[in-house]
Amino acid sequence: MTNVAAALTSLTQDLESVLQDLTSFGEKVTIPHGVLIPAITRHLASTETSDRAIKALSILLSLGNVVGDNSFAATMFLHQNAAGVFENICKVGVVLSRHPDLSYTGTSR
């Protein structure tokens, strides 16, 4: 799982760099939405990779929104296991909210 976590981190960093220069979206995001979304979402169920998968998805969906490409969001919602994907995202949110170091308390430390 270490390799998967590293790959998801690298993907997230690459997507964040594209977000800084939107003119390169078409050149740099070359993996089709029907391949990329399932490749990321399958790692949501693992506690070792779910946080990185969520971050990669959030950046990818934000990027698609900014450039006006809703194919990634549509694939997310029309995914054959969309209900399972959203369930896994909610589970991660619950786990994070219970973690004392990761939950938002509303105060700065």
C-alpha atoms as a PDB file:
ATOM      1  CA  MET A   1       0.000   0.000   0.000  1.00  0.00           C
ATOM      2  CA  THR A   2       2.969   2.326   0.424  1.00  0.00           C
ATOM      3  CA  ASN A   3       3.400   2.512  -3.356  1.00  0.00           C
ATOM      4  CA  VAL A   4      -0.291   3.315  -3.805  1.00  0.00           C
ATOM      5  CA  ALA A   5      -0.158   6.070  -1.193  1.00  0.00           C
ATOM      6  CA  ALA A   6       2.923   7.535  -2.873  1.00  0.00           C
ATOM      7  CA  ALA A   7       1.277   7.358  -6.305  1.00  0.00           C
ATOM      8  CA  LEU A   8      -1.867   9.094  -5.036  1.00  0.00           C
ATOM      9  CA  THR A   9       0.251  11.791  -3.397  1.00  0.00           C
ATOM     10  CA  SER A  10       2.183  12.302  -6.622  1.00  0.00           C
ATOM     11  CA  LEU A  11      -1.039  12.456  -8.637  1.00  0.00           C
ATOM     12  CA  THR A  12      -2.441  15.048  -6.240  1.00  0.00           C
ATOM     13  CA  GLN A  13       0.700  17.169  -6.550  1.00  0.00           C
ATOM     14  CA  ASP A  14       0.534  16.948 -10.345  1.00  0.00           C
ATOM     15  CA  LEU A  15      -3.128  17.976 -10.346  1.00  0.00           C
ATOM     16  CA  GLU A  16      -2.387  20.870  -7.993  1.00  0.00           C
ATOM     17  CA  SER A  17       0.295  22.107 -10.391  1.00  0.00           C
ATOM     18  CA  VAL A  18      -2.204  21.977 -13.265  1.00  0.00           C
ATOM     19  CA  LEU A  19      -4.613  23.968 -11.107  1.00  0.00           C
ATOM     20  CA  GLN A  20      -1.968  26.701 -10.959  1.00  0.00           C
ATOM     21  CA  ASP A  21      -1.703  26.816 -14.771  1.00  0.00           C
ATOM     22  CA  LEU A  22      -5.076  25.942 -16.281  1.00  0.00           C
ATOM     23  CA  THR A  23      -3.840  26.319 -19.856  1.00  0.00           C
ATOM     24  CA  SER A  24      -2.084  22.968 -19.516  1.00  0.00           C
ATOM     25  CA  PHE A  25      -5.201  21.008 -18.468  1.00  0.00           C
ATOM     26  CA  GLY A  26      -5.762  19.345 -21.844  1.00  0.00           C
ATOM     27  CA  GLU A  27      -2.085  18.528 -22.256  1.00  0.00           C
ATOM     28  CA  LYS A  28      -1.429  17.148 -18.792  1.00  0.00           C
ATOM     29  CA  VAL A  29      -4.660  15.405 -17.843  1.00  0.00           C
ATOM     30  CA  THR A  30      -4.596  12.767 -20.546  1.00  0.00           C
ATOM     31  CA  ILE A  31      -6.067   9.772 -18.710  1.00  0.00           C
ATOM     32  CA  PRO A  32      -9.772   9.471 -19.636  1.00  0.00           C
ATOM     33  CA  HIS A  33     -12.278  10.211 -16.881  1.00  0.00           C
ATOM     34  CA  GLY A  34     -13.693   6.700 -17.175  1.00  0.00           C
ATOM     35  CA  VAL A  35     -10.290   5.274 -16.261  1.00  0.00           C
ATOM     36  CA  LEU A  36      -8.984   7.858 -13.789  1.00  0.00           C
ATOM     37  CA  ILE A  37     -12.009   8.116 -11.488  1.00  0.00           C
ATOM     38  CA  PRO A  38     -12.332   4.343 -10.894  1.00  0.00           C
ATOM     39  CA  ALA A  39      -8.548   4.077 -10.465  1.00  0.00           C
ATOM     40  CA  ILE A  40      -8.717   6.600  -7.628  1.00  0.00           C
ATOM     41  CA  THR A  41     -12.008   5.553  -6.024  1.00  0.00           C
ATOM     42  CA  ARG A  42     -10.978   1.934  -5.562  1.00  0.00           C
ATOM     43  CA  HIS A  43      -8.530   3.162  -2.900  1.00  0.00           C
ATOM     44  CA  LEU A  44     -11.218   4.838  -0.779  1.00  0.00           C
ATOM     45  CA  ALA A  45     -11.965   1.652   1.160  1.00  0.00           C
ATOM     46  CA  SER A  46      -8.435   1.281   2.529  1.00  0.00           C
ATOM     47  CA  THR A  47      -7.539   3.136   5.698  1.00  0.00           C
ATOM     48  CA  GLU A  48      -3.978   3.442   4.411  1.00  0.00           C
ATOM     49  CA  THR A  49      -4.934   5.284   1.220  1.00  0.00           C
ATOM     50  CA  SER A  50      -8.410   6.760   1.677  1.00  0.00           C
ATOM     51  CA  ASP A  51      -7.238  10.203   2.784  1.00  0.00           C
ATOM     52  CA  ARG A  52      -4.968  10.530  -0.236  1.00  0.00           C
ATOM     53  CA  ALA A  53      -7.657   9.236  -2.581  1.00  0.00           C
ATOM     54  CA  ILE A  54     -10.131  11.813  -1.274  1.00  0.00           C
ATOM     55  CA  LYS A  55      -7.617  14.608  -1.727  1.00  0.00           C
ATOM     56  CA  ALA A  56      -6.842  13.482  -5.291  1.00  0.00           C
ATOM     57  CA  LEU A  57     -10.562  13.320  -6.090  1.00  0.00           C
ATOM     58  CA  SER A  58     -11.257  16.721  -4.597  1.00  0.00           C
ATOM     59  CA  ILE A  59      -8.469  18.369  -6.588  1.00  0.00           C
ATOM     60  CA  LEU A  60      -9.514  16.566  -9.779  1.00  0.00           C
ATOM     61  CA  LEU A  61     -13.170  17.548  -9.399  1.00  0.00           C
ATOM     62  CA  SER A  62     -12.213  21.131  -8.544  1.00  0.00           C
ATOM     63  CA  LEU A  63      -9.949  21.284 -11.550  1.00  0.00           C
ATOM     64  CA  GLY A  64     -12.682  19.957 -13.822  1.00  0.00           C
ATOM     65  CA  ASN A  65     -15.082  22.534 -12.446  1.00  0.00           C
ATOM     66  CA  VAL A  66     -12.665  25.415 -12.987  1.00  0.00           C
ATOM     67  CA  VAL A  67     -11.965  24.497 -16.616  1.00  0.00           C
ATOM     68  CA  GLY A  68     -15.608  23.664 -17.339  1.00  0.00           C
ATOM     69  CA  ASP A  69     -15.103  19.914 -17.839  1.00  0.00           C
ATOM     70  CA  ASN A  70     -17.847  18.116 -15.933  1.00  0.00           C
ATOM     71  CA  SER A  71     -16.923  14.666 -17.278  1.00  0.00           C
ATOM     72  CA  PHE A  72     -15.005  13.786 -14.105  1.00  0.00           C
ATOM     73  CA  ALA A  73     -17.919  14.761 -11.852  1.00  0.00           C
ATOM     74  CA  ALA A  74     -20.393  12.944 -14.103  1.00  0.00           C
ATOM     75  CA  THR A  75     -18.243   9.821 -14.002  1.00  0.00           C
ATOM     76  CA  MET A  76     -18.093  10.088 -10.221  1.00  0.00           C
ATOM     77  CA  PHE A  77     -21.879  10.204  -9.919  1.00  0.00           C
ATOM     78  CA  LEU A  78     -22.545   7.630 -12.634  1.00  0.00           C
ATOM     79  CA  HIS A  79     -19.807   5.239 -11.466  1.00  0.00           C
ATOM     80  CA  GLN A  80     -21.066   1.661 -11.272  1.00  0.00           C
ATOM     81  CA  ASN A  81     -20.352   1.693  -7.539  1.00  0.00           C
ATOM     82  CA  ALA A  82     -21.276   5.340  -6.876  1.00  0.00           C
ATOM     83  CA  ALA A  83     -23.196   4.481  -3.712  1.00  0.00           C
ATOM     84  CA  GLY A  84     -20.186   2.583  -2.350  1.00  0.00           C
ATOM     85  CA  VAL A  85     -17.852   5.429  -3.275  1.00  0.00           C
ATOM     86  CA  PHE A  86     -19.925   8.004  -1.408  1.00  0.00           C
ATOM     87  CA  GLU A  87     -20.343   5.638   1.536  1.00  0.00           C
ATOM     88  CA  ASN A  88     -16.560   5.266   1.776  1.00  0.00           C
ATOM     89  CA  ILE A  89     -16.087   9.038   1.600  1.00  0.00           C
ATOM     90  CA  CYS A  90     -18.595   9.489   4.433  1.00  0.00           C
ATOM     91  CA  LYS A  91     -16.869   6.795   6.513  1.00  0.00           C
ATOM     92  CA  VAL A  92     -13.543   8.567   6.167  1.00  0.00           C
ATOM     93  CA  GLY A  93     -15.204  11.817   7.219  1.00  0.00           C
ATOM     94  CA  VAL A  94     -16.595  10.171  10.349  1.00  0.00           C
ATOM     95  CA  VAL A  95     -13.224   8.666  11.231  1.00  0.00           C
ATOM     96  CA  LEU A  96     -11.461  11.997  10.744  1.00  0.00           C
ATOM     97  CA  SER A  97     -14.041  13.828  12.836  1.00  0.00           C
ATOM     98  CA  ARG A  98     -13.326  11.462  15.740  1.00  0.00           C
ATOM     99  CA  HIS A  99      -9.553  11.788  15.515  1.00  0.00           C
ATOM    100  CA  PRO A 100      -8.418  14.408  18.049  1.00  0.00           C
ATOM    101  CA  ASP A 101      -5.483  15.619  15.966  1.00  0.00           C
ATOM    102  CA  LEU A 102      -7.406  15.840  12.697  1.00  0.00           C
ATOM    103  CA  SER A 103     -10.817  17.137  13.662  1.00  0.00           C
ATOM    104  CA  TYR A 104     -11.629  20.813  13.359  1.00  0.00           C
ATOM    105  CA  THR A 105     -12.193  22.393  16.745  1.00  0.00           C
ATOM    106  CA  GLY A 106     -12.854  25.932  15.625  1.00  0.00           C
ATOM    107  CA  THR A 107      -9.825  27.273  17.431  1.00  0.00           C
ATOM    108  CA  SER A 108      -6.250  27.711  16.379  1.00  0.00           C
ATOM    109  CA  ARG A 109      -3.533  26.051  18.372  1.00  0.00           C
END
